[in-house]
Amino acid sequence: MESLFWTLCLAAVITAGFRLALGWGRQEELPQWDLVVLTRNSAQSIEGVIRTYQKLARLEGKDFRLYIIDGGSVDETLMIVDKFKQKGLQVEVIDQADLAESFAGAVDHLYGHIPGAERSNQAKPAQRERVREIRMVDMRRQEA
């Protein structure tokens, strides 16, 4: 009976050693997603949207990058976004009204060609990397 006990202990130590050796020094990357937000005069709600997605990312255990595609805001939208950037949020602001007109144009600019969209020569190779998920929010306010 005692030899069975010691055999099981030895098996457990060997198994733990293999798991430790195989996983030692390996860091798992956080799954990443991108949040692409089309804005135009969105100062009233942009802060709440960004905070909501920050909380969602924490709940999901993920990190995210924020792309603001602004269609010519004349309110404080970009100043509010800049506050988040100064606090360390990964933010890129693209202030181009033509890209803010459609999600297809925005995605094409950020990630390269997508079916049904014109090819953008401005897409950056580093931004064409694959991400697990792209979430898009349309916050463009229509003038009354």
Protein backbone atom coordinates (compact mmCIF):
# COMPACT_ATOMS: atom_id res chain seq x y z
CA MET A 1 0.00 0.00 0.00
CA GLU A 2 2.82 2.32 0.89
CA SER A 3 4.60 1.61 -2.42
CA LEU A 4 1.41 2.59 -4.32
CA PHE A 5 1.33 5.87 -2.44
CA TRP A 6 4.96 6.66 -3.33
CA THR A 7 4.42 5.63 -6.94
CA LEU A 8 1.49 8.06 -7.25
CA CYS A 9 3.54 10.82 -5.60
CA LEU A 10 6.40 10.23 -8.02
CA ALA A 11 4.00 10.30 -11.00
CA ALA A 12 2.53 13.59 -9.76
CA VAL A 13 5.99 15.16 -9.36
CA ILE A 14 7.05 14.03 -12.85
CA THR A 15 3.81 15.35 -14.39
CA ALA A 16 4.19 18.69 -12.61
CA GLY A 17 7.82 18.90 -13.75
CA PHE A 18 6.87 18.35 -17.40
CA ARG A 19 4.10 20.94 -17.24
CA LEU A 20 6.41 23.44 -15.62
CA ALA A 21 9.23 22.78 -18.12
CA LEU A 22 6.97 23.03 -21.16
CA GLY A 23 5.21 26.16 -20.01
CA TRP A 24 8.16 27.91 -18.39
CA GLY A 25 8.90 31.33 -19.88
CA ARG A 26 5.96 31.23 -22.23
CA GLN A 27 3.67 34.20 -21.97
CA GLU A 28 0.29 34.00 -23.57
CA GLU A 29 -0.73 37.07 -25.51
CA LEU A 30 -4.03 38.61 -24.71
CA PRO A 31 -6.50 38.12 -27.51
CA GLN A 32 -6.94 41.47 -29.16
CA TRP A 33 -9.79 43.23 -30.86
CA ASP A 34 -10.09 46.56 -32.56
CA LEU A 35 -12.84 49.09 -31.99
CA VAL A 36 -13.44 51.29 -35.02
CA VAL A 37 -15.65 54.28 -34.27
CA LEU A 38 -17.01 56.63 -36.92
CA THR A 39 -17.54 60.05 -35.34
CA ARG A 40 -18.87 63.45 -36.29
CA ASN A 41 -19.83 65.85 -33.50
CA SER A 42 -20.12 62.98 -31.01
CA ALA A 43 -18.91 64.80 -27.88
CA GLN A 44 -22.11 64.08 -25.95
CA SER A 45 -21.66 60.32 -26.03
CA ILE A 46 -18.09 59.40 -27.03
CA GLU A 47 -16.75 59.23 -23.48
CA GLY A 48 -19.49 56.84 -22.36
CA VAL A 49 -18.93 54.58 -25.37
CA ILE A 50 -15.17 54.39 -24.79
CA ARG A 51 -15.62 53.67 -21.07
CA THR A 52 -18.19 50.97 -21.84
CA TYR A 53 -15.80 49.21 -24.21
CA GLN A 54 -12.95 49.53 -21.69
CA LYS A 55 -15.11 47.75 -19.11
CA LEU A 56 -16.17 45.12 -21.65
CA ALA A 57 -12.53 44.47 -22.56
CA ARG A 58 -11.63 44.01 -18.88
CA LEU A 59 -14.54 41.62 -18.37
CA GLU A 60 -13.48 39.58 -21.41
CA GLY A 61 -9.82 39.63 -20.36
CA LYS A 62 -8.84 41.23 -23.64
CA ASP A 63 -6.96 44.25 -24.81
CA PHE A 64 -8.18 46.51 -27.60
CA ARG A 65 -7.09 49.28 -29.89
CA LEU A 66 -9.35 52.21 -30.63
CA TYR A 67 -9.51 53.78 -34.06
CA ILE A 68 -11.48 57.02 -34.31
CA ILE A 69 -12.40 57.92 -37.88
CA ASP A 70 -13.68 61.46 -37.62
CA GLY A 71 -15.84 63.11 -40.24
CA GLY A 72 -15.01 66.71 -39.41
CA SER A 73 -16.22 67.24 -35.86
CA VAL A 74 -16.52 70.86 -34.78
CA ASP A 75 -17.39 70.05 -31.16
CA GLU A 76 -15.11 68.60 -28.44
CA THR A 77 -15.14 64.99 -29.75
CA LEU A 78 -11.42 64.84 -30.55
CA MET A 79 -10.41 66.59 -27.31
CA ILE A 80 -12.30 63.94 -25.32
CA VAL A 81 -10.62 61.14 -27.30
CA ASP A 82 -7.24 62.78 -26.69
CA LYS A 83 -7.81 62.58 -22.90
CA PHE A 84 -8.10 58.78 -23.21
CA LYS A 85 -4.96 58.65 -25.36
CA GLN A 86 -3.04 60.62 -22.71
CA LYS A 87 -4.20 58.10 -20.09
CA GLY A 88 -2.58 55.26 -22.06
CA LEU A 89 -5.38 53.89 -24.21
CA GLN A 90 -4.17 52.69 -27.61
CA VAL A 91 -5.85 55.29 -29.84
CA GLU A 92 -5.33 56.33 -33.42
CA VAL A 93 -7.33 59.26 -34.75
CA ILE A 94 -7.86 59.48 -38.48
CA ASP A 95 -9.37 62.84 -39.33
CA GLN A 96 -10.64 62.19 -42.85
CA ALA A 97 -14.24 62.96 -43.67
CA ASP A 98 -14.25 60.72 -46.76
CA LEU A 99 -13.31 57.64 -44.70
CA ALA A 100 -15.95 58.44 -42.09
CA GLU A 101 -18.68 58.14 -44.70
CA SER A 102 -18.71 54.33 -44.68
CA PHE A 103 -17.51 51.38 -42.66
CA ALA A 104 -16.17 49.80 -45.86
CA GLY A 105 -13.87 52.76 -46.49
CA ALA A 106 -12.68 52.75 -42.88
CA VAL A 107 -11.93 49.02 -42.85
CA ASP A 108 -10.21 49.24 -46.23
CA HIS A 109 -8.00 52.04 -44.93
CA LEU A 110 -7.08 50.19 -41.74
CA TYR A 111 -6.76 46.59 -42.90
CA GLY A 112 -6.39 46.57 -46.67
CA HIS A 113 -8.80 45.49 -49.38
CA ILE A 114 -12.17 44.02 -48.57
CA PRO A 115 -14.63 42.76 -51.19
CA GLY A 116 -16.80 45.55 -52.56
CA ALA A 117 -14.53 48.38 -51.42
CA GLU A 118 -12.00 50.39 -53.40
CA ARG A 119 -8.35 49.66 -52.65
CA SER A 120 -6.72 52.25 -50.42
CA ASN A 121 -3.06 53.04 -51.00
CA GLN A 122 -2.89 54.61 -47.54
CA ALA A 123 -3.34 51.37 -45.59
CA LYS A 124 -0.32 50.80 -43.37
CA PRO A 125 1.25 47.31 -43.50
CA ALA A 126 1.45 47.13 -39.70
CA GLN A 127 -2.28 47.71 -39.50
CA ARG A 128 -3.05 44.86 -41.86
CA GLU A 129 -2.14 42.34 -39.20
CA ARG A 130 -4.93 39.98 -38.35
CA VAL A 131 -6.91 40.57 -35.22
CA ARG A 132 -9.41 38.23 -33.70
CA GLU A 133 -12.28 40.64 -33.86
CA ILE A 134 -13.24 44.04 -35.22
CA ARG A 135 -16.08 45.92 -33.57
CA MET A 136 -17.54 48.98 -35.22
CA VAL A 137 -19.67 51.77 -33.81
CA ASP A 138 -21.35 54.52 -35.83
CA MET A 139 -21.65 57.67 -33.72
CA ARG A 140 -22.02 60.22 -36.49
CA ARG A 141 -24.57 62.86 -35.54
CA GLN A 142 -26.71 64.20 -38.33
CA GLU A 143 -27.17 67.94 -38.44
CA ALA A 144 -30.76 68.99 -37.86
